[in-house]
Amino acid sequence: MELAVKFLAWCLIINYGLLVLWFIAVVIAKPMIYKMHNRWFDISEEQFNSLNYIAFGIYKILVFLFCLVPYIALKLIGY
């Protein structure tokens, strides 16, 4: 069980690190990222913003559900 706790802790660190990098990339390089995706998918900037926002939210929910909740549960039972 201690291995599972360590595994989940590292999963949290990696996933939240990816979320932070994603956020920074969108804030700093949004025009470049949008231009690249617009060439591939022909989407408007509003659609790009909406899809990015939705994907970011889904990713956060999945990290919460599959990493943070089990980690907290294991810590609460004493591991």
N, C-alpha and C. Protein backbone atom coordinates (compact mmCIF):
# COMPACT_ATOMS: atom_id res chain seq x y z
N MET A 1 0.81 -1.19 0.00
CA MET A 1 0.00 0.00 0.00
C MET A 1 0.86 1.27 0.00
N GLU A 2 2.00 1.20 0.66
CA GLU A 2 2.89 2.37 0.65
C GLU A 2 3.35 2.70 -0.76
N LEU A 3 3.55 1.65 -1.56
CA LEU A 3 3.93 1.86 -2.96
C LEU A 3 2.81 2.55 -3.72
N ALA A 4 1.57 2.18 -3.45
CA ALA A 4 0.42 2.81 -4.11
C ALA A 4 0.34 4.29 -3.72
N VAL A 5 0.59 4.60 -2.46
CA VAL A 5 0.55 5.99 -2.00
C VAL A 5 1.64 6.80 -2.71
N LYS A 6 2.84 6.25 -2.79
CA LYS A 6 3.94 6.94 -3.49
C LYS A 6 3.62 7.11 -4.98
N PHE A 7 3.06 6.06 -5.57
CA PHE A 7 2.67 6.12 -6.98
C PHE A 7 1.66 7.23 -7.23
N LEU A 8 0.63 7.28 -6.40
CA LEU A 8 -0.40 8.31 -6.56
C LEU A 8 0.15 9.71 -6.31
N ALA A 9 1.07 9.83 -5.37
CA ALA A 9 1.69 11.14 -5.11
C ALA A 9 2.47 11.61 -6.33
N TRP A 10 3.24 10.70 -6.94
CA TRP A 10 3.98 11.07 -8.15
C TRP A 10 3.04 11.35 -9.32
N CYS A 11 1.95 10.60 -9.42
CA CYS A 11 0.95 10.88 -10.45
C CYS A 11 0.39 12.29 -10.29
N LEU A 12 0.10 12.67 -9.05
CA LEU A 12 -0.39 14.03 -8.79
C LEU A 12 0.62 15.08 -9.20
N ILE A 13 1.86 14.88 -8.81
CA ILE A 13 2.91 15.86 -9.13
C ILE A 13 3.06 16.00 -10.64
N ILE A 14 3.13 14.88 -11.34
CA ILE A 14 3.30 14.91 -12.80
C ILE A 14 2.09 15.54 -13.48
N ASN A 15 0.89 15.11 -13.09
CA ASN A 15 -0.32 15.63 -13.74
C ASN A 15 -0.53 17.11 -13.46
N TYR A 16 -0.32 17.56 -12.24
CA TYR A 16 -0.46 18.98 -11.97
C TYR A 16 0.65 19.79 -12.63
N GLY A 17 1.82 19.19 -12.77
CA GLY A 17 2.89 19.84 -13.55
C GLY A 17 2.50 20.02 -15.00
N LEU A 18 1.87 18.99 -15.58
CA LEU A 18 1.39 19.10 -16.95
C LEU A 18 0.31 20.16 -17.08
N LEU A 19 -0.58 20.24 -16.10
CA LEU A 19 -1.61 21.28 -16.11
C LEU A 19 -0.99 22.67 -16.07
N VAL A 20 0.01 22.86 -15.25
CA VAL A 20 0.68 24.16 -15.15
C VAL A 20 1.38 24.49 -16.47
N LEU A 21 2.08 23.52 -17.05
CA LEU A 21 2.75 23.75 -18.33
C LEU A 21 1.74 24.08 -19.43
N TRP A 22 0.63 23.37 -19.46
CA TRP A 22 -0.42 23.62 -20.43
C TRP A 22 -0.95 25.05 -20.28
N PHE A 23 -1.23 25.45 -19.04
CA PHE A 23 -1.72 26.80 -18.77
C PHE A 23 -0.71 27.85 -19.22
N ILE A 24 0.54 27.66 -18.86
CA ILE A 24 1.58 28.61 -19.24
C ILE A 24 1.72 28.69 -20.75
N ALA A 25 1.67 27.55 -21.42
CA ALA A 25 1.77 27.52 -22.88
C ALA A 25 0.62 28.29 -23.52
N VAL A 26 -0.59 28.11 -23.00
CA VAL A 26 -1.74 28.80 -23.57
C VAL A 26 -1.66 30.29 -23.29
N VAL A 27 -1.19 30.68 -22.12
CA VAL A 27 -1.09 32.10 -21.79
C VAL A 27 0.00 32.79 -22.61
N ILE A 28 1.14 32.14 -22.71
CA ILE A 28 2.29 32.78 -23.37
C ILE A 28 2.24 32.63 -24.90
N ALA A 29 1.92 31.44 -25.38
CA ALA A 29 2.04 31.17 -26.81
C ALA A 29 0.70 30.90 -27.48
N LYS A 30 -0.36 31.49 -26.98
CA LYS A 30 -1.69 31.23 -27.52
C LYS A 30 -1.80 31.52 -29.01
N PRO A 31 -1.31 32.65 -29.51
CA PRO A 31 -1.44 32.91 -30.95
C PRO A 31 -0.75 31.86 -31.82
N MET A 32 0.43 31.43 -31.40
CA MET A 32 1.16 30.42 -32.16
C MET A 32 0.43 29.07 -32.12
N ILE A 33 -0.06 28.69 -30.95
CA ILE A 33 -0.77 27.42 -30.81
C ILE A 33 -2.07 27.45 -31.60
N TYR A 34 -2.78 28.57 -31.52
CA TYR A 34 -4.03 28.70 -32.27
C TYR A 34 -3.76 28.62 -33.77
N LYS A 35 -2.73 29.30 -34.24
CA LYS A 35 -2.41 29.30 -35.67
C LYS A 35 -2.10 27.88 -36.16
N MET A 36 -1.36 27.13 -35.37
CA MET A 36 -1.03 25.75 -35.73
C MET A 36 -2.29 24.89 -35.79
N HIS A 37 -3.16 25.00 -34.79
CA HIS A 37 -4.38 24.20 -34.77
C HIS A 37 -5.37 24.66 -35.83
N ASN A 38 -5.38 25.93 -36.13
CA ASN A 38 -6.28 26.45 -37.16
C ASN A 38 -5.91 25.90 -38.54
N ARG A 39 -4.62 25.70 -38.79
CA ARG A 39 -4.19 25.10 -40.05
C ARG A 39 -4.68 23.66 -40.18
N TRP A 40 -4.68 22.94 -39.07
CA TRP A 40 -5.06 21.53 -39.10
C TRP A 40 -6.58 21.34 -39.12
N PHE A 41 -7.30 22.13 -38.32
CA PHE A 41 -8.71 21.86 -38.09
C PHE A 41 -9.67 22.96 -38.54
N ASP A 42 -9.19 24.10 -38.97
CA ASP A 42 -10.02 25.21 -39.43
C ASP A 42 -11.11 25.56 -38.41
N ILE A 43 -10.67 25.96 -37.23
CA ILE A 43 -11.60 26.35 -36.17
C ILE A 43 -11.43 27.83 -35.86
N SER A 44 -12.48 28.43 -35.35
CA SER A 44 -12.40 29.84 -34.97
C SER A 44 -11.66 29.96 -33.64
N GLU A 45 -11.27 31.19 -33.33
CA GLU A 45 -10.57 31.41 -32.07
C GLU A 45 -11.49 31.15 -30.88
N GLU A 46 -12.77 31.46 -31.03
CA GLU A 46 -13.74 31.19 -29.96
C GLU A 46 -13.87 29.69 -29.72
N GLN A 47 -13.92 28.91 -30.81
CA GLN A 47 -13.98 27.45 -30.67
C GLN A 47 -12.71 26.92 -30.02
N PHE A 48 -11.58 27.46 -30.42
CA PHE A 48 -10.30 27.05 -29.84
C PHE A 48 -10.29 27.31 -28.33
N ASN A 49 -10.74 28.51 -27.94
CA ASN A 49 -10.78 28.85 -26.51
C ASN A 49 -11.73 27.93 -25.76
N SER A 50 -12.90 27.68 -26.33
CA SER A 50 -13.88 26.81 -25.68
C SER A 50 -13.35 25.39 -25.53
N LEU A 51 -12.78 24.85 -26.59
CA LEU A 51 -12.25 23.49 -26.53
C LEU A 51 -11.11 23.38 -25.53
N ASN A 52 -10.26 24.38 -25.51
CA ASN A 52 -9.15 24.38 -24.56
C ASN A 52 -9.66 24.44 -23.13
N TYR A 53 -10.65 25.28 -22.88
CA TYR A 53 -11.23 25.42 -21.55
C TYR A 53 -11.90 24.12 -21.11
N ILE A 54 -12.66 23.51 -22.00
CA ILE A 54 -13.35 22.26 -21.69
C ILE A 54 -12.34 21.13 -21.44
N ALA A 55 -11.32 21.03 -22.30
CA ALA A 55 -10.31 19.98 -22.14
C ALA A 55 -9.54 20.17 -20.84
N PHE A 56 -9.22 21.40 -20.51
CA PHE A 56 -8.51 21.70 -19.26
C PHE A 56 -9.36 21.27 -18.07
N GLY A 57 -10.65 21.57 -18.11
CA GLY A 57 -11.54 21.19 -17.02
C GLY A 57 -11.70 19.69 -16.89
N ILE A 58 -11.86 19.00 -18.01
CA ILE A 58 -11.99 17.54 -17.97
C ILE A 58 -10.73 16.90 -17.42
N TYR A 59 -9.57 17.41 -17.84
CA TYR A 59 -8.30 16.87 -17.35
C TYR A 59 -8.19 17.06 -15.84
N LYS A 60 -8.56 18.24 -15.35
CA LYS A 60 -8.51 18.49 -13.90
C LYS A 60 -9.45 17.56 -13.14
N ILE A 61 -10.63 17.35 -13.67
CA ILE A 61 -11.59 16.45 -13.02
C ILE A 61 -11.04 15.03 -12.99
N LEU A 62 -10.46 14.57 -14.08
CA LEU A 62 -9.91 13.21 -14.13
C LEU A 62 -8.73 13.04 -13.17
N VAL A 63 -7.87 14.04 -13.09
CA VAL A 63 -6.76 13.98 -12.13
C VAL A 63 -7.30 13.93 -10.71
N PHE A 64 -8.29 14.74 -10.44
CA PHE A 64 -8.92 14.76 -9.12
C PHE A 64 -9.52 13.40 -8.80
N LEU A 65 -10.27 12.85 -9.75
CA LEU A 65 -11.00 11.60 -9.53
C LEU A 65 -10.08 10.39 -9.40
N PHE A 66 -9.07 10.30 -10.27
CA PHE A 66 -8.25 9.09 -10.32
C PHE A 66 -6.93 9.17 -9.57
N CYS A 67 -6.52 10.37 -9.15
CA CYS A 67 -5.25 10.49 -8.42
C CYS A 67 -5.44 11.06 -7.02
N LEU A 68 -6.10 12.22 -6.94
CA LEU A 68 -6.19 12.90 -5.65
C LEU A 68 -7.11 12.18 -4.68
N VAL A 69 -8.29 11.77 -5.13
CA VAL A 69 -9.25 11.10 -4.23
C VAL A 69 -8.68 9.78 -3.69
N PRO A 70 -8.12 8.90 -4.54
CA PRO A 70 -7.53 7.67 -3.97
C PRO A 70 -6.35 7.96 -3.03
N TYR A 71 -5.56 8.98 -3.36
CA TYR A 71 -4.44 9.34 -2.49
C TYR A 71 -4.95 9.77 -1.12
N ILE A 72 -5.94 10.64 -1.10
CA ILE A 72 -6.51 11.10 0.17
C ILE A 72 -7.14 9.94 0.94
N ALA A 73 -7.84 9.06 0.23
CA ALA A 73 -8.47 7.91 0.89
C ALA A 73 -7.44 7.01 1.55
N LEU A 74 -6.33 6.75 0.85
CA LEU A 74 -5.27 5.92 1.44
C LEU A 74 -4.61 6.62 2.62
N LYS A 75 -4.44 7.93 2.54
CA LYS A 75 -3.85 8.65 3.66
C LYS A 75 -4.79 8.64 4.88
N LEU A 76 -6.08 8.72 4.62
CA LEU A 76 -7.05 8.72 5.73
C LEU A 76 -7.11 7.39 6.46
N ILE A 77 -6.88 6.29 5.73
CA ILE A 77 -6.92 4.99 6.41
C ILE A 77 -5.57 4.62 7.01
N GLY A 78 -4.58 5.49 6.86
CA GLY A 78 -3.33 5.30 7.60
C GLY A 78 -2.16 4.82 6.80
N TYR A 79 -2.17 4.92 5.51
CA TYR A 79 -0.99 4.51 4.73
C TYR A 79 -0.19 5.68 4.28
